[in-house]
Amino acid sequence: GVPPQRGRASAIRQLVLQAPAPAPVIAKALGYHDKTV
């Protein structure tokens, strides 16, 4: 009963709010497009 898509987006949101690096750096590290992050 865990929707993986929402869980992944929630985890990324939490990461970018807590991480000292800007969003594009995190996007590149995770393999996401910078606009998505």
PDB file of all heavy atoms in Angstrom:
ATOM      1  N   GLY A   1       0.772  -1.234   0.000  1.00  0.00           N
ATOM      2  CA  GLY A   1       0.000   0.000   0.000  1.00  0.00           C
ATOM      3  C   GLY A   1       0.803   1.283   0.000  1.00  0.00           C
ATOM      4  O   GLY A   1       0.276   2.342   0.326  1.00  0.00           O
ATOM      5  N   VAL A   2       2.073   1.217  -0.368  1.00  0.00           N
ATOM      6  CA  VAL A   2       2.916   2.420  -0.415  1.00  0.00           C
ATOM      7  C   VAL A   2       3.064   2.844  -1.874  1.00  0.00           C
ATOM      8  O   VAL A   2       3.619   2.097  -2.678  1.00  0.00           O
ATOM      9  CB  VAL A   2       4.313   2.153   0.189  1.00  0.00           C
ATOM     10  CG1 VAL A   2       5.194   3.378   0.070  1.00  0.00           C
ATOM     11  CG2 VAL A   2       4.192   1.707   1.629  1.00  0.00           C
ATOM     12  N   PRO A   3       2.564   4.042  -2.235  1.00  0.00           N
ATOM     13  CA  PRO A   3       2.736   4.503  -3.621  1.00  0.00           C
ATOM     14  C   PRO A   3       4.180   4.998  -3.835  1.00  0.00           C
ATOM     15  O   PRO A   3       4.572   6.020  -3.280  1.00  0.00           O
ATOM     16  CB  PRO A   3       1.733   5.640  -3.741  1.00  0.00           C
ATOM     17  CG  PRO A   3       1.507   6.104  -2.338  1.00  0.00           C
ATOM     18  CD  PRO A   3       1.764   4.944  -1.445  1.00  0.00           C
ATOM     19  N   PRO A   4       4.997   4.278  -4.607  1.00  0.00           N
ATOM     20  CA  PRO A   4       6.417   4.619  -4.745  1.00  0.00           C
ATOM     21  C   PRO A   4       6.680   6.001  -5.347  1.00  0.00           C
ATOM     22  O   PRO A   4       7.617   6.676  -4.941  1.00  0.00           O
ATOM     23  CB  PRO A   4       6.991   3.537  -5.645  1.00  0.00           C
ATOM     24  CG  PRO A   4       5.896   2.613  -5.974  1.00  0.00           C
ATOM     25  CD  PRO A   4       4.636   3.094  -5.362  1.00  0.00           C
ATOM     26  N   GLN A   5       5.851   6.453  -6.279  1.00  0.00           N
ATOM     27  CA  GLN A   5       6.098   7.750  -6.909  1.00  0.00           C
ATOM     28  C   GLN A   5       5.994   8.887  -5.901  1.00  0.00           C
ATOM     29  O   GLN A   5       6.828   9.761  -5.854  1.00  0.00           O
ATOM     30  CB  GLN A   5       5.110   7.991  -8.062  1.00  0.00           C
ATOM     31  CG  GLN A   5       5.294   7.073  -9.238  1.00  0.00           C
ATOM     32  CD  GLN A   5       6.587   7.341  -9.990  1.00  0.00           C
ATOM     33  OE1 GLN A   5       7.269   8.313  -9.780  1.00  0.00           O
ATOM     34  NE2 GLN A   5       6.928   6.432 -10.878  1.00  0.00           N
ATOM     35  N   ARG A   6       4.942   8.880  -5.098  1.00  0.00           N
ATOM     36  CA  ARG A   6       4.763   9.943  -4.104  1.00  0.00           C
ATOM     37  C   ARG A   6       5.840   9.880  -3.029  1.00  0.00           C
ATOM     38  O   ARG A   6       6.303  10.904  -2.543  1.00  0.00           O
ATOM     39  CB  ARG A   6       3.382   9.868  -3.476  1.00  0.00           C
ATOM     40  CG  ARG A   6       2.333  10.468  -4.386  1.00  0.00           C
ATOM     41  CD  ARG A   6       1.035  10.586  -3.653  1.00  0.00           C
ATOM     42  NE  ARG A   6       0.267   9.390  -3.984  1.00  0.00           N
ATOM     43  CZ  ARG A   6      -0.830   9.017  -3.378  1.00  0.00           C
ATOM     44  NH1 ARG A   6      -1.297   9.709  -2.378  1.00  0.00           N
ATOM     45  NH2 ARG A   6      -1.473   7.950  -3.750  1.00  0.00           N
ATOM     46  N   GLY A   7       6.225   8.671  -2.667  1.00  0.00           N
ATOM     47  CA  GLY A   7       7.277   8.515  -1.665  1.00  0.00           C
ATOM     48  C   GLY A   7       8.601   9.069  -2.144  1.00  0.00           C
ATOM     49  O   GLY A   7       9.333   9.724  -1.403  1.00  0.00           O
ATOM     50  N   ARG A   8       8.918   8.822  -3.412  1.00  0.00           N
ATOM     51  CA  ARG A   8      10.180   9.316  -3.975  1.00  0.00           C
ATOM     52  C   ARG A   8      10.169  10.837  -4.046  1.00  0.00           C
ATOM     53  O   ARG A   8      11.136  11.490  -3.652  1.00  0.00           O
ATOM     54  CB  ARG A   8      10.407   8.703  -5.355  1.00  0.00           C
ATOM     55  CG  ARG A   8      11.714   9.144  -5.974  1.00  0.00           C
ATOM     56  CD  ARG A   8      12.046   8.437  -7.264  1.00  0.00           C
ATOM     57  NE  ARG A   8      10.926   8.304  -8.157  1.00  0.00           N
ATOM     58  CZ  ARG A   8      10.642   7.182  -8.814  1.00  0.00           C
ATOM     59  NH1 ARG A   8      11.356   6.109  -8.652  1.00  0.00           N
ATOM     60  NH2 ARG A   8       9.617   7.147  -9.645  1.00  0.00           N
ATOM     61  N   ALA A   9       9.066  11.413  -4.497  1.00  0.00           N
ATOM     62  CA  ALA A   9       8.978  12.876  -4.577  1.00  0.00           C
ATOM     63  C   ALA A   9       9.077  13.497  -3.189  1.00  0.00           C
ATOM     64  O   ALA A   9       9.747  14.519  -3.004  1.00  0.00           O
ATOM     65  CB  ALA A   9       7.688  13.290  -5.275  1.00  0.00           C
ATOM     66  N   SER A  10       8.440  12.877  -2.213  1.00  0.00           N
ATOM     67  CA  SER A  10       8.504  13.397  -0.841  1.00  0.00           C
ATOM     68  C   SER A  10       9.919  13.343  -0.299  1.00  0.00           C
ATOM     69  O   SER A  10      10.371  14.281   0.378  1.00  0.00           O
ATOM     70  CB  SER A  10       7.589  12.589   0.075  1.00  0.00           C
ATOM     71  OG  SER A  10       6.257  12.741  -0.301  1.00  0.00           O
ATOM     72  N   ALA A  11      10.619  12.265  -0.590  1.00  0.00           N
ATOM     73  CA  ALA A  11      12.002  12.131  -0.120  1.00  0.00           C
ATOM     74  C   ALA A  11      12.903  13.190  -0.760  1.00  0.00           C
ATOM     75  O   ALA A  11      13.752  13.783  -0.082  1.00  0.00           O
ATOM     76  CB  ALA A  11      12.525  10.736  -0.430  1.00  0.00           C
ATOM     77  N   ILE A  12      12.703  13.457  -2.042  1.00  0.00           N
ATOM     78  CA  ILE A  12      13.511  14.475  -2.725  1.00  0.00           C
ATOM     79  C   ILE A  12      13.188  15.859  -2.176  1.00  0.00           C
ATOM     80  O   ILE A  12      14.082  16.672  -1.944  1.00  0.00           O
ATOM     81  CB  ILE A  12      13.298  14.426  -4.251  1.00  0.00           C
ATOM     82  CG1 ILE A  12      13.851  13.108  -4.799  1.00  0.00           C
ATOM     83  CG2 ILE A  12      13.978  15.607  -4.935  1.00  0.00           C
ATOM     84  CD1 ILE A  12      13.503  12.858  -6.242  1.00  0.00           C
ATOM     85  N   ARG A  13      11.902  16.143  -1.935  1.00  0.00           N
ATOM     86  CA  ARG A  13      11.529  17.437  -1.342  1.00  0.00           C
ATOM     87  C   ARG A  13      12.227  17.644  -0.008  1.00  0.00           C
ATOM     88  O   ARG A  13      12.775  18.711   0.260  1.00  0.00           O
ATOM     89  CB  ARG A  13      10.017  17.514  -1.133  1.00  0.00           C
ATOM     90  CG  ARG A  13       9.242  17.826  -2.356  1.00  0.00           C
ATOM     91  CD  ARG A  13       7.768  18.063  -2.012  1.00  0.00           C
ATOM     92  NE  ARG A  13       6.972  17.918  -3.202  1.00  0.00           N
ATOM     93  CZ  ARG A  13       6.256  16.843  -3.507  1.00  0.00           C
ATOM     94  NH1 ARG A  13       6.208  15.818  -2.702  1.00  0.00           N
ATOM     95  NH2 ARG A  13       5.577  16.805  -4.639  1.00  0.00           N
ATOM     96  N   GLN A  14      12.205  16.630   0.826  1.00  0.00           N
ATOM     97  CA  GLN A  14      12.837  16.737   2.137  1.00  0.00           C
ATOM     98  C   GLN A  14      14.343  16.935   1.994  1.00  0.00           C
ATOM     99  O   GLN A  14      14.947  17.745   2.697  1.00  0.00           O
ATOM    100  CB  GLN A  14      12.540  15.485   2.962  1.00  0.00           C
ATOM    101  CG  GLN A  14      12.903  15.611   4.408  1.00  0.00           C
ATOM    102  CD  GLN A  14      12.105  16.699   5.113  1.00  0.00           C
ATOM    103  OE1 GLN A  14      10.939  16.917   4.831  1.00  0.00           O
ATOM    104  NE2 GLN A  14      12.730  17.385   6.030  1.00  0.00           N
ATOM    105  N   LEU A  15      14.958  16.212   1.064  1.00  0.00           N
ATOM    106  CA  LEU A  15      16.399  16.328   0.841  1.00  0.00           C
ATOM    107  C   LEU A  15      16.786  17.738   0.410  1.00  0.00           C
ATOM    108  O   LEU A  15      17.710  18.332   0.968  1.00  0.00           O
ATOM    109  CB  LEU A  15      16.859  15.320  -0.207  1.00  0.00           C
ATOM    110  CG  LEU A  15      18.316  15.409  -0.636  1.00  0.00           C
ATOM    111  CD1 LEU A  15      19.243  15.082   0.536  1.00  0.00           C
ATOM    112  CD2 LEU A  15      18.590  14.483  -1.803  1.00  0.00           C
ATOM    113  N   VAL A  16      16.066  18.296  -0.564  1.00  0.00           N
ATOM    114  CA  VAL A  16      16.452  19.622  -1.062  1.00  0.00           C
ATOM    115  C   VAL A  16      16.189  20.724  -0.043  1.00  0.00           C
ATOM    116  O   VAL A  16      16.841  21.763  -0.075  1.00  0.00           O
ATOM    117  CB  VAL A  16      15.791  19.967  -2.420  1.00  0.00           C
ATOM    118  CG1 VAL A  16      16.280  19.053  -3.509  1.00  0.00           C
ATOM    119  CG2 VAL A  16      14.281  19.952  -2.335  1.00  0.00           C
ATOM    120  N   LEU A  17      15.246  20.503   0.875  1.00  0.00           N
ATOM    121  CA  LEU A  17      15.021  21.495   1.914  1.00  0.00           C
ATOM    122  C   LEU A  17      16.109  21.457   2.985  1.00  0.00           C
ATOM    123  O   LEU A  17      16.436  22.471   3.583  1.00  0.00           O
ATOM    124  CB  LEU A  17      13.648  21.286   2.571  1.00  0.00           C
ATOM    125  CG  LEU A  17      12.449  21.663   1.722  1.00  0.00           C
ATOM    126  CD1 LEU A  17      11.158  21.295   2.436  1.00  0.00           C
ATOM    127  CD2 LEU A  17      12.474  23.139   1.357  1.00  0.00           C
ATOM    128  N   GLN A  18      16.692  20.287   3.211  1.00  0.00           N
ATOM    129  CA  GLN A  18      17.688  20.131   4.265  1.00  0.00           C
ATOM    130  C   GLN A  18      19.123  20.246   3.776  1.00  0.00           C
ATOM    131  O   GLN A  18      20.005  20.611   4.545  1.00  0.00           O
ATOM    132  CB  GLN A  18      17.522  18.784   4.958  1.00  0.00           C
ATOM    133  CG  GLN A  18      16.262  18.688   5.766  1.00  0.00           C
ATOM    134  CD  GLN A  18      16.138  17.348   6.454  1.00  0.00           C
ATOM    135  OE1 GLN A  18      16.823  16.394   6.130  1.00  0.00           O
ATOM    136  NE2 GLN A  18      15.238  17.271   7.418  1.00  0.00           N
ATOM    137  N   ALA A  19      19.366  19.927   2.525  1.00  0.00           N
ATOM    138  CA  ALA A  19      20.731  19.879   2.007  1.00  0.00           C
ATOM    139  C   ALA A  19      21.296  21.286   1.808  1.00  0.00           C
ATOM    140  O   ALA A  19      20.573  22.200   1.413  1.00  0.00           O
ATOM    141  CB  ALA A  19      20.767  19.124   0.682  1.00  0.00           C
ATOM    142  N   PRO A  20      22.586  21.465   2.065  1.00  0.00           N
ATOM    143  CA  PRO A  20      23.196  22.774   1.844  1.00  0.00           C
ATOM    144  C   PRO A  20      23.459  23.067   0.365  1.00  0.00           C
ATOM    145  O   PRO A  20      23.687  24.210  -0.001  1.00  0.00           O
ATOM    146  CB  PRO A  20      24.512  22.684   2.622  1.00  0.00           C
ATOM    147  CG  PRO A  20      24.832  21.233   2.649  1.00  0.00           C
ATOM    148  CD  PRO A  20      23.515  20.519   2.664  1.00  0.00           C
ATOM    149  N   ALA A  21      23.403  22.043  -0.476  1.00  0.00           N
ATOM    150  CA  ALA A  21      23.670  22.219  -1.905  1.00  0.00           C
ATOM    151  C   ALA A  21      22.428  22.729  -2.615  1.00  0.00           C
ATOM    152  O   ALA A  21      21.304  22.405  -2.229  1.00  0.00           O
ATOM    153  CB  ALA A  21      24.102  20.892  -2.523  1.00  0.00           C
ATOM    154  N   PRO A  22      22.596  23.528  -3.678  1.00  0.00           N
ATOM    155  CA  PRO A  22      21.442  23.997  -4.446  1.00  0.00           C
ATOM    156  C   PRO A  22      20.770  22.845  -5.216  1.00  0.00           C
ATOM    157  O   PRO A  22      21.379  21.809  -5.463  1.00  0.00           O
ATOM    158  CB  PRO A  22      22.027  25.030  -5.399  1.00  0.00           C
ATOM    159  CG  PRO A  22      23.484  24.775  -5.428  1.00  0.00           C
ATOM    160  CD  PRO A  22      23.844  24.080  -4.159  1.00  0.00           C
ATOM    161  N   ALA A  23      19.539  23.046  -5.578  1.00  0.00           N
ATOM    162  CA  ALA A  23      18.732  22.019  -6.230  1.00  0.00           C
ATOM    163  C   ALA A  23      19.388  21.398  -7.470  1.00  0.00           C
ATOM    164  O   ALA A  23      19.354  20.181  -7.620  1.00  0.00           O
ATOM    165  CB  ALA A  23      17.360  22.576  -6.576  1.00  0.00           C
ATOM    166  N   PRO A  24      20.008  22.175  -8.386  1.00  0.00           N
ATOM    167  CA  PRO A  24      20.614  21.537  -9.563  1.00  0.00           C
ATOM    168  C   PRO A  24      21.754  20.581  -9.218  1.00  0.00           C
ATOM    169  O   PRO A  24      21.959  19.586  -9.899  1.00  0.00           O
ATOM    170  CB  PRO A  24      21.130  22.713 -10.389  1.00  0.00           C
ATOM    171  CG  PRO A  24      20.249  23.838  -9.999  1.00  0.00           C
ATOM    172  CD  PRO A  24      19.967  23.628  -8.536  1.00  0.00           C
ATOM    173  N   VAL A  25      22.474  20.849  -8.149  1.00  0.00           N
ATOM    174  CA  VAL A  25      23.555  19.944  -7.733  1.00  0.00           C
ATOM    175  C   VAL A  25      22.959  18.624  -7.260  1.00  0.00           C
ATOM    176  O   VAL A  25      23.440  17.546  -7.609  1.00  0.00           O
ATOM    177  CB  VAL A  25      24.410  20.591  -6.618  1.00  0.00           C
ATOM    178  CG1 VAL A  25      25.417  19.608  -6.067  1.00  0.00           C
ATOM    179  CG2 VAL A  25      25.097  21.847  -7.137  1.00  0.00           C
ATOM    180  N   ILE A  26      21.889  18.702  -6.494  1.00  0.00           N
ATOM    181  CA  ILE A  26      21.212  17.494  -6.025  1.00  0.00           C
ATOM    182  C   ILE A  26      20.605  16.747  -7.200  1.00  0.00           C
ATOM    183  O   ILE A  26      20.681  15.526  -7.283  1.00  0.00           O
ATOM    184  CB  ILE A  26      20.146  17.855  -4.978  1.00  0.00           C
ATOM    185  CG1 ILE A  26      20.844  18.412  -3.734  1.00  0.00           C
ATOM    186  CG2 ILE A  26      19.279  16.660  -4.636  1.00  0.00           C
ATOM    187  CD1 ILE A  26      19.916  19.032  -2.735  1.00  0.00           C
ATOM    188  N   ALA A  27      20.009  17.481  -8.140  1.00  0.00           N
ATOM    189  CA  ALA A  27      19.414  16.852  -9.326  1.00  0.00           C
ATOM    190  C   ALA A  27      20.452  16.067 -10.097  1.00  0.00           C
ATOM    191  O   ALA A  27      20.210  14.922 -10.482  1.00  0.00           O
ATOM    192  CB  ALA A  27      18.781  17.919 -10.216  1.00  0.00           C
ATOM    193  N   LYS A  28      21.599  16.655 -10.314  1.00  0.00           N
ATOM    194  CA  LYS A  28      22.650  15.972 -11.071  1.00  0.00           C
ATOM    195  C   LYS A  28      23.126  14.727 -10.330  1.00  0.00           C
ATOM    196  O   LYS A  28      23.338  13.675 -10.933  1.00  0.00           O
ATOM    197  CB  LYS A  28      23.818  16.925 -11.319  1.00  0.00           C
ATOM    198  CG  LYS A  28      24.881  16.319 -12.201  1.00  0.00           C
ATOM    199  CD  LYS A  28      25.946  17.323 -12.553  1.00  0.00           C
ATOM    200  CE  LYS A  28      26.983  16.667 -13.463  1.00  0.00           C
ATOM    201  NZ  LYS A  28      28.013  17.597 -13.868  1.00  0.00           N
ATOM    202  N   ALA A  29      23.272  14.831  -9.028  1.00  0.00           N
ATOM    203  CA  ALA A  29      23.739  13.695  -8.233  1.00  0.00           C
ATOM    204  C   ALA A  29      22.746  12.528  -8.274  1.00  0.00           C
ATOM    205  O   ALA A  29      23.145  11.366  -8.249  1.00  0.00           O
ATOM    206  CB  ALA A  29      23.981  14.125  -6.793  1.00  0.00           C
ATOM    207  N   LEU A  30      21.452  12.853  -8.342  1.00  0.00           N
ATOM    208  CA  LEU A  30      20.421  11.815  -8.345  1.00  0.00           C
ATOM    209  C   LEU A  30      19.987  11.394  -9.744  1.00  0.00           C
ATOM    210  O   LEU A  30      19.198  10.467  -9.891  1.00  0.00           O
ATOM    211  CB  LEU A  30      19.194  12.303  -7.565  1.00  0.00           C
ATOM    212  CG  LEU A  30      19.412  12.575  -6.080  1.00  0.00           C
ATOM    213  CD1 LEU A  30      18.139  13.130  -5.457  1.00  0.00           C
ATOM    214  CD2 LEU A  30      19.850  11.313  -5.363  1.00  0.00           C
ATOM    215  N   GLY A  31      20.440  12.105 -10.760  1.00  0.00           N
ATOM    216  CA  GLY A  31      20.066  11.768 -12.126  1.00  0.00           C
ATOM    217  C   GLY A  31      18.732  12.345 -12.563  1.00  0.00           C
ATOM    218  O   GLY A  31      18.091  11.816 -13.467  1.00  0.00           O
ATOM    219  N   TYR A  32      18.301  13.419 -11.919  1.00  0.00           N
ATOM    220  CA  TYR A  32      17.055  14.086 -12.285  1.00  0.00           C
ATOM    221  C   TYR A  32      17.363  15.360 -13.057  1.00  0.00           C
ATOM    222  O   TYR A  32      18.452  15.915 -12.951  1.00  0.00           O
ATOM    223  CB  TYR A  32      16.256  14.478 -11.032  1.00  0.00           C
ATOM    224  CG  TYR A  32      15.581  13.314 -10.367  1.00  0.00           C
ATOM    225  CD1 TYR A  32      16.224  12.588  -9.378  1.00  0.00           C
ATOM    226  CD2 TYR A  32      14.291  12.938 -10.717  1.00  0.00           C
ATOM    227  CE1 TYR A  32      15.605  11.519  -8.763  1.00  0.00           C
ATOM    228  CE2 TYR A  32      13.664  11.874 -10.103  1.00  0.00           C
ATOM    229  CZ  TYR A  32      14.336  11.167  -9.128  1.00  0.00           C
ATOM    230  OH  TYR A  32      13.717  10.118  -8.530  1.00  0.00           O
ATOM    231  N   HIS A  33      16.368  15.851 -13.779  1.00  0.00           N
ATOM    232  CA  HIS A  33      16.513  17.117 -14.482  1.00  0.00           C
ATOM    233  C   HIS A  33      16.443  18.235 -13.452  1.00  0.00           C
ATOM    234  O   HIS A  33      15.658  18.174 -12.498  1.00  0.00           O
ATOM    235  CB  HIS A  33      15.396  17.279 -15.516  1.00  0.00           C
ATOM    236  CG  HIS A  33      15.656  18.381 -16.482  1.00  0.00           C
ATOM    237  ND1 HIS A  33      15.367  19.689 -16.194  1.00  0.00           N
ATOM    238  CD2 HIS A  33      16.195  18.361 -17.722  1.00  0.00           C
ATOM    239  CE1 HIS A  33      15.712  20.448 -17.219  1.00  0.00           C
ATOM    240  NE2 HIS A  33      16.212  19.657 -18.162  1.00  0.00           N
ATOM    241  N   ASP A  34      17.246  19.275 -13.623  1.00  0.00           N
ATOM    242  CA  ASP A  34      17.288  20.350 -12.626  1.00  0.00           C
ATOM    243  C   ASP A  34      15.945  21.071 -12.491  1.00  0.00           C
ATOM    244  O   ASP A  34      15.569  21.508 -11.411  1.00  0.00           O
ATOM    245  CB  ASP A  34      18.422  21.329 -12.888  1.00  0.00           C
ATOM    246  CG  ASP A  34      18.327  22.035 -14.229  1.00  0.00           C
ATOM    247  OD1 ASP A  34      17.498  21.632 -15.070  1.00  0.00           O
ATOM    248  OD2 ASP A  34      19.084  22.988 -14.434  1.00  0.00           O
ATOM    249  N   LYS A  35      15.186  21.167 -13.572  1.00  0.00           N
ATOM    250  CA  LYS A  35      13.881  21.830 -13.486  1.00  0.00           C
ATOM    251  C   LYS A  35      12.899  21.021 -12.641  1.00  0.00           C
ATOM    252  O   LYS A  35      12.069  21.589 -11.937  1.00  0.00           O
ATOM    253  CB  LYS A  35      13.310  22.072 -14.883  1.00  0.00           C
ATOM    254  CG  LYS A  35      14.070  23.139 -15.637  1.00  0.00           C
ATOM    255  CD  LYS A  35      13.442  23.431 -16.965  1.00  0.00           C
ATOM    256  CE  LYS A  35      14.284  24.499 -17.674  1.00  0.00           C
ATOM    257  NZ  LYS A  35      13.690  24.929 -18.919  1.00  0.00           N
ATOM    258  N   THR A  36      13.000  19.711 -12.698  1.00  0.00           N
ATOM    259  CA  THR A  36      12.134  18.859 -11.887  1.00  0.00           C
ATOM    260  C   THR A  36      12.407  19.080 -10.413  1.00  0.00           C
ATOM    261  O   THR A  36      11.481  19.265  -9.615  1.00  0.00           O
ATOM    262  CB  THR A  36      12.360  17.375 -12.236  1.00  0.00           C
ATOM    263  OG1 THR A  36      12.080  17.179 -13.613  1.00  0.00           O
ATOM    264  CG2 THR A  36      11.486  16.468 -11.392  1.00  0.00           C
ATOM    265  N   VAL A  37      13.678  19.083 -10.035  1.00  0.00           N
ATOM    266  CA  VAL A  37      14.033  19.252  -8.627  1.00  0.00           C
ATOM    267  C   VAL A  37      13.729  20.675  -8.165  1.00  0.00           C
ATOM    268  O   VAL A  37      13.251  20.883  -7.046  1.00  0.00           O
ATOM    269  CB  VAL A  37      15.506  18.870  -8.377  1.00  0.00           C
ATOM    270  CG1 VAL A  37      15.903  19.130  -6.950  1.00  0.00           C
ATOM    271  CG2 VAL A  37      15.716  17.398  -8.711  1.00  0.00           C
TER     272      VAL A  37
END
